[in-house]
Amino acid sequence: MAAILSNLRNTVIAGIVLTIIMIIIVVGWHGEGMPTDHTWGLFFMRWLHVLSGVMWIGILWYFNFIQIPNMPNIPDDQKPAISKVIAPAALFWFRWGAMGTIVTGLILAWMNGYLVSAITIGIIDGVPKHTAIGIGMWLGTIMWFNVWFIIWPNQKRALGIVDADADSKAKSARTAMLFSRTNTLLSIPMLYAMVSAQNIY
C-alpha cells in the first residue's frame, strides 16, 4: 500500500482502478448504470467536469484561504520555497483545472442540448434551469478568463518566471492577488448557480 500512496501517479491510477471496480460491482449488483448509453456519457462528462472543478476551485481557495494570508508569517529566507517551487506547481494545476472545467462544461451543456439557452441565460426559452446554469457558466467563463489572461501572466512576472523589474513584480503580484480574490468572490455565486440548476430546477 505504501508503494501506491507514496507516489502520486500510482495513487491516481489506483483511484481510477478503484472507480472501475466500484462501477462493476454496482452495475453487477443492481443491473443498472451500464456505461454504454447517452445518459452514462452525460454522467461521465459531468464527473470529469466536477473533477476538473474541484482541482481548480480547490487550488483557488488554497491560494486565498491559506497561502496568501500566511505569506507575511513566513521568514524571508524561506519564501523562495513557496515562490520558486510550490506556487509554480500549484499554478500549473490551477490553470489547467480551469481549462478542463470550462471545456468539459461546454461539452456537457452541448450534450444536454442547452448550450445556446444557457449562453443566453434562458432568455431564448425562459427555462429557469437554463437561467441558473447560464449564470454559472458566465461566472465560470469570467473566472477562466481571469486565470489565463490576467492571473497567470501577472504571476509569471511576480514569481520571476519571466524577467521583470522589482516594481513590475510587486505590481503584478498585487494584480494577480486582486483577480484571484475576484475569482474567490465569483466562485460562491457560481457554485450556487451550478448546483441549483441541477437540484432546484
Protein backbone atom coordinates (compact mmCIF):
# COMPACT_ATOMS: atom_id res chain seq x y z
CA MET A 1 0.00 0.00 0.00
CA ALA A 2 2.88 2.38 0.75
CA ALA A 3 4.11 1.98 -2.86
CA ILE A 4 0.74 3.21 -4.09
CA LEU A 5 0.36 6.08 -1.65
CA SER A 6 3.99 7.25 -1.78
CA ASN A 7 3.74 8.05 -5.49
CA LEU A 8 1.07 10.47 -6.78
CA ARG A 9 0.87 8.80 -10.21
CA ASN A 10 0.28 5.40 -8.56
CA THR A 11 -2.30 6.95 -6.23
CA VAL A 12 -4.26 8.44 -9.16
CA ILE A 13 -4.07 5.16 -11.11
CA ALA A 14 -5.28 3.28 -8.03
CA GLY A 15 -8.16 5.75 -7.69
CA ILE A 16 -9.18 5.13 -11.30
CA VAL A 17 -8.93 1.35 -10.85
CA LEU A 18 -10.99 1.55 -7.65
CA THR A 19 -13.62 3.60 -9.51
CA ILE A 20 -13.82 0.96 -12.27
CA ILE A 21 -14.16 -1.82 -9.67
CA MET A 22 -16.90 0.15 -7.93
CA ILE A 23 -18.77 0.59 -11.24
CA ILE A 24 -18.54 -3.13 -11.98
CA ILE A 25 -19.82 -4.04 -8.51
CA VAL A 26 -22.72 -1.57 -8.53
CA VAL A 27 -23.78 -2.47 -12.11
CA GLY A 28 -23.49 -6.17 -11.31
CA TRP A 29 -25.48 -5.81 -8.12
CA HIS A 30 -28.30 -3.63 -9.45
CA GLY A 31 -28.15 -4.32 -13.18
CA GLU A 32 -28.32 -0.58 -13.90
CA GLY A 33 -25.81 2.13 -14.74
CA MET A 34 -24.03 0.25 -17.51
CA PRO A 35 -21.52 2.61 -19.16
CA THR A 36 -22.93 2.28 -22.68
CA ASP A 37 -25.66 4.81 -23.39
CA HIS A 38 -26.03 8.58 -23.79
CA THR A 39 -27.18 9.02 -20.20
CA TRP A 40 -23.97 7.43 -18.94
CA GLY A 41 -21.97 9.63 -21.33
CA LEU A 42 -23.66 12.71 -19.83
CA PHE A 43 -22.88 11.48 -16.34
CA PHE A 44 -19.25 10.74 -17.26
CA MET A 45 -18.78 14.22 -18.73
CA ARG A 46 -20.36 15.76 -15.61
CA TRP A 47 -17.98 13.66 -13.47
CA LEU A 48 -14.98 14.97 -15.45
CA HIS A 49 -16.41 18.50 -15.09
CA VAL A 50 -16.67 18.09 -11.31
CA LEU A 51 -13.16 16.58 -11.05
CA SER A 52 -11.71 19.49 -13.01
CA GLY A 53 -13.71 22.00 -10.99
CA VAL A 54 -12.58 20.52 -7.68
CA MET A 55 -8.97 20.83 -8.84
CA TRP A 56 -9.49 24.43 -9.97
CA ILE A 57 -11.59 25.83 -7.12
CA GLY A 58 -9.69 23.79 -4.53
CA ILE A 59 -6.43 25.42 -5.56
CA LEU A 60 -8.11 28.84 -5.85
CA TRP A 61 -9.29 28.50 -2.27
CA TYR A 62 -5.87 27.17 -1.17
CA PHE A 63 -4.27 30.34 -2.54
CA ASN A 64 -6.82 32.64 -0.94
CA PHE A 65 -7.52 30.92 2.38
CA ILE A 66 -4.04 29.55 3.11
CA GLN A 67 -1.10 30.75 1.01
CA ILE A 68 -1.78 34.49 0.56
CA PRO A 69 -2.85 35.19 4.18
CA ASN A 70 0.14 33.29 5.57
CA MET A 71 2.91 34.64 3.31
CA PRO A 72 3.64 37.56 5.71
CA ASN A 73 4.24 34.99 8.50
CA ILE A 74 6.92 33.11 6.53
CA PRO A 75 10.52 34.27 7.15
CA ASP A 76 12.04 35.93 4.07
CA ASP A 77 14.73 33.26 3.70
CA GLN A 78 12.01 30.58 3.42
CA LYS A 79 9.73 32.39 0.94
CA PRO A 80 11.60 31.09 -2.13
CA ALA A 81 10.33 27.61 -1.26
CA ILE A 82 6.82 28.92 -1.94
CA SER A 83 7.55 31.29 -4.83
CA LYS A 84 10.01 29.07 -6.71
CA VAL A 85 8.63 25.58 -6.04
CA ILE A 86 5.10 25.36 -4.63
CA ALA A 87 3.42 28.32 -6.35
CA PRO A 88 4.55 27.45 -9.92
CA ALA A 89 3.41 23.83 -9.47
CA ALA A 90 0.09 24.94 -7.97
CA LEU A 91 -0.41 27.46 -10.79
CA PHE A 92 0.11 24.71 -13.39
CA TRP A 93 -2.71 22.58 -11.96
CA PHE A 94 -4.76 25.72 -11.23
CA ARG A 95 -4.83 26.96 -14.83
CA TRP A 96 -5.27 23.50 -16.39
CA GLY A 97 -8.01 22.72 -13.86
CA ALA A 98 -9.72 25.89 -15.10
CA MET A 99 -9.28 24.81 -18.72
CA GLY A 100 -10.58 21.31 -18.02
CA THR A 101 -13.59 22.76 -16.19
CA ILE A 102 -14.63 25.12 -18.96
CA VAL A 103 -14.07 22.59 -21.77
CA THR A 104 -15.99 19.79 -20.04
CA GLY A 105 -18.71 22.26 -19.01
CA LEU A 106 -19.26 23.44 -22.58
CA ILE A 107 -19.28 19.86 -23.88
CA LEU A 108 -21.74 18.89 -21.15
CA ALA A 109 -24.07 21.78 -21.99
CA TRP A 110 -23.91 20.82 -25.68
CA MET A 111 -24.59 17.12 -24.91
CA ASN A 112 -27.59 18.16 -22.79
CA GLY A 113 -28.90 20.36 -25.60
CA TYR A 114 -28.97 23.61 -23.63
CA LEU A 115 -25.69 25.27 -24.67
CA VAL A 116 -27.29 28.17 -26.57
CA SER A 117 -30.08 28.58 -24.00
CA ALA A 118 -27.52 28.70 -21.18
CA ILE A 119 -25.25 31.13 -23.02
CA THR A 120 -28.27 33.43 -23.44
CA ILE A 121 -29.15 32.92 -19.74
CA GLY A 122 -32.52 31.37 -20.57
CA ILE A 123 -33.76 34.41 -22.48
CA ILE A 124 -34.48 32.29 -25.57
CA ASP A 125 -36.66 29.67 -23.88
CA GLY A 126 -37.49 31.11 -20.42
CA VAL A 127 -36.43 27.90 -18.66
CA PRO A 128 -35.27 28.67 -15.08
CA LYS A 129 -32.71 25.85 -15.14
CA HIS A 130 -31.08 27.41 -18.21
CA THR A 131 -31.00 30.79 -16.49
CA ALA A 132 -29.29 29.31 -13.42
CA ILE A 133 -26.78 27.21 -15.36
CA GLY A 134 -26.20 30.13 -17.73
CA ILE A 135 -25.33 32.48 -14.89
CA GLY A 136 -22.98 29.84 -13.53
CA MET A 137 -21.41 29.37 -16.95
CA TRP A 138 -20.85 33.10 -17.45
CA LEU A 139 -19.34 33.49 -13.97
CA GLY A 140 -17.12 30.47 -14.65
CA THR A 141 -16.09 31.93 -18.01
CA ILE A 142 -15.12 35.23 -16.40
CA MET A 143 -13.11 33.30 -13.81
CA TRP A 144 -11.44 31.19 -16.53
CA PHE A 145 -10.54 34.37 -18.44
CA ASN A 146 -9.07 35.89 -15.26
CA VAL A 147 -6.93 32.78 -14.69
CA TRP A 148 -5.47 32.55 -18.19
CA PHE A 149 -5.23 36.20 -19.23
CA ILE A 150 -4.72 38.15 -16.00
CA ILE A 151 -3.62 35.97 -13.07
CA TRP A 152 -1.18 33.70 -14.93
CA PRO A 153 0.64 36.45 -16.91
CA ASN A 154 0.97 38.54 -13.75
CA GLN A 155 2.11 35.57 -11.65
CA LYS A 156 4.82 34.78 -14.22
CA ARG A 157 6.25 38.27 -13.62
CA ALA A 158 5.71 38.22 -9.85
CA LEU A 159 7.40 34.82 -9.43
CA GLY A 160 10.29 35.62 -11.75
CA ILE A 161 9.31 33.03 -14.35
CA VAL A 162 9.73 35.85 -16.88
CA ASP A 163 12.07 38.80 -16.42
CA ALA A 164 10.64 41.86 -14.70
CA ASP A 165 12.00 44.65 -12.52
CA ALA A 166 11.14 44.86 -8.82
CA ASP A 167 8.37 47.44 -9.28
CA SER A 168 6.76 45.40 -12.04
CA LYS A 169 6.96 42.25 -9.89
CA ALA A 170 5.26 43.99 -6.96
CA LYS A 171 2.53 45.47 -9.17
CA SER A 172 1.99 42.12 -10.89
CA ALA A 173 1.78 40.29 -7.55
CA ARG A 174 -0.93 42.71 -6.37
CA THR A 175 -2.87 42.45 -9.63
CA ALA A 176 -2.73 38.64 -9.52
CA MET A 177 -3.88 38.65 -5.90
CA LEU A 178 -6.79 41.02 -6.58
CA PHE A 179 -8.04 38.94 -9.52
CA SER A 180 -7.58 35.76 -7.52
CA ARG A 181 -9.74 37.34 -4.81
CA THR A 182 -12.23 38.36 -7.51
CA ASN A 183 -12.41 34.72 -8.59
CA THR A 184 -12.93 33.65 -4.96
CA LEU A 185 -15.81 36.12 -4.71
CA LEU A 186 -17.32 34.88 -8.01
CA SER A 187 -16.85 31.21 -7.09
CA ILE A 188 -19.52 31.40 -4.39
CA PRO A 189 -22.46 32.51 -6.61
CA MET A 190 -21.05 30.43 -9.49
CA LEU A 191 -21.20 27.24 -7.41
CA TYR A 192 -24.67 28.14 -6.16
CA ALA A 193 -25.89 28.66 -9.74
CA MET A 194 -24.36 25.39 -10.95
CA VAL A 195 -25.69 23.29 -8.07
CA SER A 196 -29.12 24.95 -8.05
CA ALA A 197 -29.53 24.23 -11.76
CA GLN A 198 -29.09 20.53 -11.03
CA ASN A 199 -31.12 20.33 -7.82
CA ILE A 200 -33.77 23.08 -7.65
CA TYR A 201 -34.93 23.43 -11.27
